Amino acid sequence: MIPGIAAATVWAAAEPLVGRALGVPWYSDVRLVGRTVTGRSFWWPLGLAVHLANGATFGAVFAKLGGRGWKQGVVAAEVESVLLWPGMAVIDRVHADRRSGEWPPLFLNGRVFAYEVVVHAIFGVVLGALLSEAD
């Protein structure tokens, strides 16, 4: 559980840098989650809490299934990313930032997809490395 929270924390901290590097400085998974749950101005703490809970859950399942090492961590996180990506079509219809026009469509946005690949890789490296050290 702790390794998943730690990995999700590193992911959240890396978001501004990854977003700028990939040309999507407006995009954030914490915002995606937070504004999905609440369209109100207090999306950040709620989004971060849900993001960390998701990381804890993913990390616990990964560890329970015997996942160890940064390579397995990256593979598992990227598989999850690809499996969840079709959900972006739903997000395009319901998310407050999409409905307001603040964000462009996400599902066919290659830069957002690249962003997701990078942040999931970061998460997987940290998670797998922390679980390797725990052995």
C-alpha atoms as a PDB file:
ATOM      1  CA  MET A   1       0.000   0.000   0.000  1.00  0.00           C
ATOM      2  CA  ILE A   2       2.759   2.480   0.951  1.00  0.00           C
ATOM      3  CA  PRO A   3       4.773   1.833  -2.229  1.00  0.00           C
ATOM      4  CA  GLY A   4       1.674   2.572  -4.321  1.00  0.00           C
ATOM      5  CA  ILE A   5       1.018   5.810  -2.453  1.00  0.00           C
ATOM      6  CA  ALA A   6       4.668   6.817  -2.836  1.00  0.00           C
ATOM      7  CA  ALA A   7       4.638   6.035  -6.562  1.00  0.00           C
ATOM      8  CA  ALA A   8       1.401   7.986  -7.061  1.00  0.00           C
ATOM      9  CA  THR A   9       2.927  10.914  -5.147  1.00  0.00           C
ATOM     10  CA  VAL A  10       5.955  10.966  -7.451  1.00  0.00           C
ATOM     11  CA  TRP A  11       3.576  10.798 -10.450  1.00  0.00           C
ATOM     12  CA  ALA A  12       1.555  13.764  -9.163  1.00  0.00           C
ATOM     13  CA  ALA A  13       4.729  15.760  -8.495  1.00  0.00           C
ATOM     14  CA  ALA A  14       6.001  15.022 -12.031  1.00  0.00           C
ATOM     15  CA  GLU A  15       2.781  16.093 -13.768  1.00  0.00           C
ATOM     16  CA  PRO A  16       3.658  19.773 -14.373  1.00  0.00           C
ATOM     17  CA  LEU A  17       7.062  18.911 -15.862  1.00  0.00           C
ATOM     18  CA  VAL A  18       5.691  16.086 -18.036  1.00  0.00           C
ATOM     19  CA  GLY A  19       2.786  18.255 -19.183  1.00  0.00           C
ATOM     20  CA  ARG A  20       5.087  21.094 -20.229  1.00  0.00           C
ATOM     21  CA  ALA A  21       7.550  18.736 -21.922  1.00  0.00           C
ATOM     22  CA  LEU A  22       4.806  17.115 -23.994  1.00  0.00           C
ATOM     23  CA  GLY A  23       2.932  20.300 -24.846  1.00  0.00           C
ATOM     24  CA  VAL A  24      -0.079  19.698 -22.602  1.00  0.00           C
ATOM     25  CA  PRO A  25       0.646  21.935 -19.595  1.00  0.00           C
ATOM     26  CA  TRP A  26      -3.090  22.236 -18.947  1.00  0.00           C
ATOM     27  CA  TYR A  27      -3.580  18.475 -18.470  1.00  0.00           C
ATOM     28  CA  SER A  28      -3.259  16.599 -15.180  1.00  0.00           C
ATOM     29  CA  ASP A  29      -4.505  13.246 -13.959  1.00  0.00           C
ATOM     30  CA  VAL A  30      -5.110  14.753 -10.533  1.00  0.00           C
ATOM     31  CA  ARG A  31      -7.330  17.366 -12.202  1.00  0.00           C
ATOM     32  CA  LEU A  32      -8.939  14.724 -14.407  1.00  0.00           C
ATOM     33  CA  VAL A  33      -9.957  12.737 -11.342  1.00  0.00           C
ATOM     34  CA  GLY A  34     -10.742  15.711  -9.121  1.00  0.00           C
ATOM     35  CA  ARG A  35     -12.927  17.549 -11.626  1.00  0.00           C
ATOM     36  CA  THR A  36     -14.688  14.295 -12.523  1.00  0.00           C
ATOM     37  CA  VAL A  37     -15.676  13.840  -8.889  1.00  0.00           C
ATOM     38  CA  THR A  38     -16.459  17.522  -8.309  1.00  0.00           C
ATOM     39  CA  GLY A  39     -16.623  20.396 -10.741  1.00  0.00           C
ATOM     40  CA  ARG A  40     -16.031  22.809  -7.889  1.00  0.00           C
ATOM     41  CA  SER A  41     -12.910  24.785  -7.138  1.00  0.00           C
ATOM     42  CA  PHE A  42     -11.720  22.320  -4.454  1.00  0.00           C
ATOM     43  CA  TRP A  43     -10.950  19.633  -7.043  1.00  0.00           C
ATOM     44  CA  TRP A  44      -7.221  19.520  -6.202  1.00  0.00           C
ATOM     45  CA  PRO A  45      -7.280  18.003  -2.684  1.00  0.00           C
ATOM     46  CA  LEU A  46     -10.048  15.600  -3.623  1.00  0.00           C
ATOM     47  CA  GLY A  47      -8.332  14.666  -6.890  1.00  0.00           C
ATOM     48  CA  LEU A  48      -5.035  14.084  -5.112  1.00  0.00           C
ATOM     49  CA  ALA A  49      -6.709  11.943  -2.442  1.00  0.00           C
ATOM     50  CA  VAL A  50      -8.428   9.767  -5.065  1.00  0.00           C
ATOM     51  CA  HIS A  51      -5.210   9.576  -7.121  1.00  0.00           C
ATOM     52  CA  LEU A  52      -3.237   8.388  -4.058  1.00  0.00           C
ATOM     53  CA  ALA A  53      -5.964   5.880  -3.151  1.00  0.00           C
ATOM     54  CA  ASN A  54      -5.851   4.529  -6.704  1.00  0.00           C
ATOM     55  CA  GLY A  55      -2.062   4.229  -6.422  1.00  0.00           C
ATOM     56  CA  ALA A  56      -2.382   2.406  -3.107  1.00  0.00           C
ATOM     57  CA  THR A  57      -4.912  -0.022  -4.567  1.00  0.00           C
ATOM     58  CA  PHE A  58      -2.877  -0.669  -7.711  1.00  0.00           C
ATOM     59  CA  GLY A  59       0.277  -1.122  -5.642  1.00  0.00           C
ATOM     60  CA  ALA A  60      -1.386  -3.567  -3.254  1.00  0.00           C
ATOM     61  CA  VAL A  61      -2.791  -5.670  -6.109  1.00  0.00           C
ATOM     62  CA  PHE A  62       0.545  -5.578  -7.950  1.00  0.00           C
ATOM     63  CA  ALA A  63       2.386  -6.757  -4.826  1.00  0.00           C
ATOM     64  CA  LYS A  64      -0.238  -9.423  -4.034  1.00  0.00           C
ATOM     65  CA  LEU A  65       0.205 -10.818  -7.552  1.00  0.00           C
ATOM     66  CA  GLY A  66       3.965 -11.054  -6.939  1.00  0.00           C
ATOM     67  CA  GLY A  67       4.969  -7.985  -8.927  1.00  0.00           C
ATOM     68  CA  ARG A  68       8.525  -6.855  -8.219  1.00  0.00           C
ATOM     69  CA  GLY A  69      11.132  -4.741  -9.928  1.00  0.00           C
ATOM     70  CA  TRP A  70      10.913  -1.669 -12.091  1.00  0.00           C
ATOM     71  CA  LYS A  71      10.448  -3.593 -15.362  1.00  0.00           C
ATOM     72  CA  GLN A  72       7.390  -5.467 -14.094  1.00  0.00           C
ATOM     73  CA  GLY A  73       6.130  -2.225 -12.573  1.00  0.00           C
ATOM     74  CA  VAL A  74       6.341  -0.407 -15.901  1.00  0.00           C
ATOM     75  CA  VAL A  75       4.680  -3.250 -17.813  1.00  0.00           C
ATOM     76  CA  ALA A  76       1.817  -3.482 -15.320  1.00  0.00           C
ATOM     77  CA  ALA A  77       1.268   0.293 -15.260  1.00  0.00           C
ATOM     78  CA  GLU A  78       1.319   0.551 -19.067  1.00  0.00           C
ATOM     79  CA  VAL A  79      -1.136  -2.328 -19.430  1.00  0.00           C
ATOM     80  CA  GLU A  80      -3.453  -0.516 -17.037  1.00  0.00           C
ATOM     81  CA  SER A  81      -3.027   2.701 -19.017  1.00  0.00           C
ATOM     82  CA  VAL A  82      -3.925   1.049 -22.319  1.00  0.00           C
ATOM     83  CA  LEU A  83      -6.914  -0.731 -20.784  1.00  0.00           C
ATOM     84  CA  LEU A  84      -8.238   2.526 -19.293  1.00  0.00           C
ATOM     85  CA  TRP A  85      -7.583   4.682 -22.372  1.00  0.00           C
ATOM     86  CA  PRO A  86     -10.977   3.966 -24.047  1.00  0.00           C
ATOM     87  CA  GLY A  87     -12.558   5.587 -21.000  1.00  0.00           C
ATOM     88  CA  MET A  88     -11.254   8.900 -22.340  1.00  0.00           C
ATOM     89  CA  ALA A  89     -14.121   8.794 -24.849  1.00  0.00           C
ATOM     90  CA  VAL A  90     -16.501   8.903 -21.879  1.00  0.00           C
ATOM     91  CA  ILE A  91     -14.431  11.607 -20.164  1.00  0.00           C
ATOM     92  CA  ASP A  92     -14.731  13.678 -23.338  1.00  0.00           C
ATOM     93  CA  ARG A  93     -18.506  13.694 -22.816  1.00  0.00           C
ATOM     94  CA  VAL A  94     -18.780  14.212 -19.052  1.00  0.00           C
ATOM     95  CA  HIS A  95     -15.716  15.997 -17.689  1.00  0.00           C
ATOM     96  CA  ALA A  96     -16.262  19.597 -16.526  1.00  0.00           C
ATOM     97  CA  ASP A  97     -13.160  20.884 -18.357  1.00  0.00           C
ATOM     98  CA  ARG A  98     -14.234  19.224 -21.603  1.00  0.00           C
ATOM     99  CA  ARG A  99     -17.832  20.435 -21.323  1.00  0.00           C
ATOM    100  CA  SER A 100     -16.670  24.010 -20.669  1.00  0.00           C
ATOM    101  CA  GLY A 101     -14.266  23.898 -23.622  1.00  0.00           C
ATOM    102  CA  GLU A 102     -11.278  24.520 -21.345  1.00  0.00           C
ATOM    103  CA  TRP A 103      -9.752  21.222 -22.500  1.00  0.00           C
ATOM    104  CA  PRO A 104      -9.741  19.969 -26.095  1.00  0.00           C
ATOM    105  CA  PRO A 105     -10.950  16.431 -26.869  1.00  0.00           C
ATOM    106  CA  LEU A 106      -8.731  13.909 -25.087  1.00  0.00           C
ATOM    107  CA  PHE A 107      -9.462  10.504 -26.640  1.00  0.00           C
ATOM    108  CA  LEU A 108      -7.759  11.225 -29.979  1.00  0.00           C
ATOM    109  CA  ASN A 109      -5.110  13.551 -28.525  1.00  0.00           C
ATOM    110  CA  GLY A 110      -1.703  11.972 -29.124  1.00  0.00           C
ATOM    111  CA  ARG A 111       0.038  14.312 -26.712  1.00  0.00           C
ATOM    112  CA  VAL A 112      -2.296  13.360 -23.880  1.00  0.00           C
ATOM    113  CA  PHE A 113      -1.757   9.691 -24.741  1.00  0.00           C
ATOM    114  CA  ALA A 114       2.034  10.237 -24.637  1.00  0.00           C
ATOM    115  CA  TYR A 115       1.619  12.021 -21.306  1.00  0.00           C
ATOM    116  CA  GLU A 116      -0.234   9.000 -19.920  1.00  0.00           C
ATOM    117  CA  VAL A 117       2.506   6.664 -21.161  1.00  0.00           C
ATOM    118  CA  VAL A 118       5.194   8.733 -19.443  1.00  0.00           C
ATOM    119  CA  VAL A 119       3.438   9.214 -16.091  1.00  0.00           C
ATOM    120  CA  HIS A 120       2.435   5.551 -15.956  1.00  0.00           C
ATOM    121  CA  ALA A 121       6.076   4.613 -16.642  1.00  0.00           C
ATOM    122  CA  ILE A 122       7.203   6.881 -13.800  1.00  0.00           C
ATOM    123  CA  PHE A 123       4.652   5.270 -11.487  1.00  0.00           C
ATOM    124  CA  GLY A 124       5.700   1.762 -12.551  1.00  0.00           C
ATOM    125  CA  VAL A 125       9.418   2.423 -12.064  1.00  0.00           C
ATOM    126  CA  VAL A 126       8.911   3.835  -8.573  1.00  0.00           C
ATOM    127  CA  LEU A 127       6.422   1.161  -7.523  1.00  0.00           C
ATOM    128  CA  GLY A 128       8.519  -1.739  -8.804  1.00  0.00           C
ATOM    129  CA  ALA A 129      11.734  -0.340  -7.360  1.00  0.00           C
ATOM    130  CA  LEU A 130      10.172   0.178  -3.928  1.00  0.00           C
ATOM    131  CA  LEU A 131       8.782  -3.335  -3.906  1.00  0.00           C
ATOM    132  CA  SER A 132      12.182  -4.759  -4.900  1.00  0.00           C
ATOM    133  CA  GLU A 133      13.777  -2.953  -1.969  1.00  0.00           C
ATOM    134  CA  ALA A 134      11.100  -4.304   0.373  1.00  0.00           C
ATOM    135  CA  ASP A 135      12.231  -7.892  -0.238  1.00  0.00           C
END
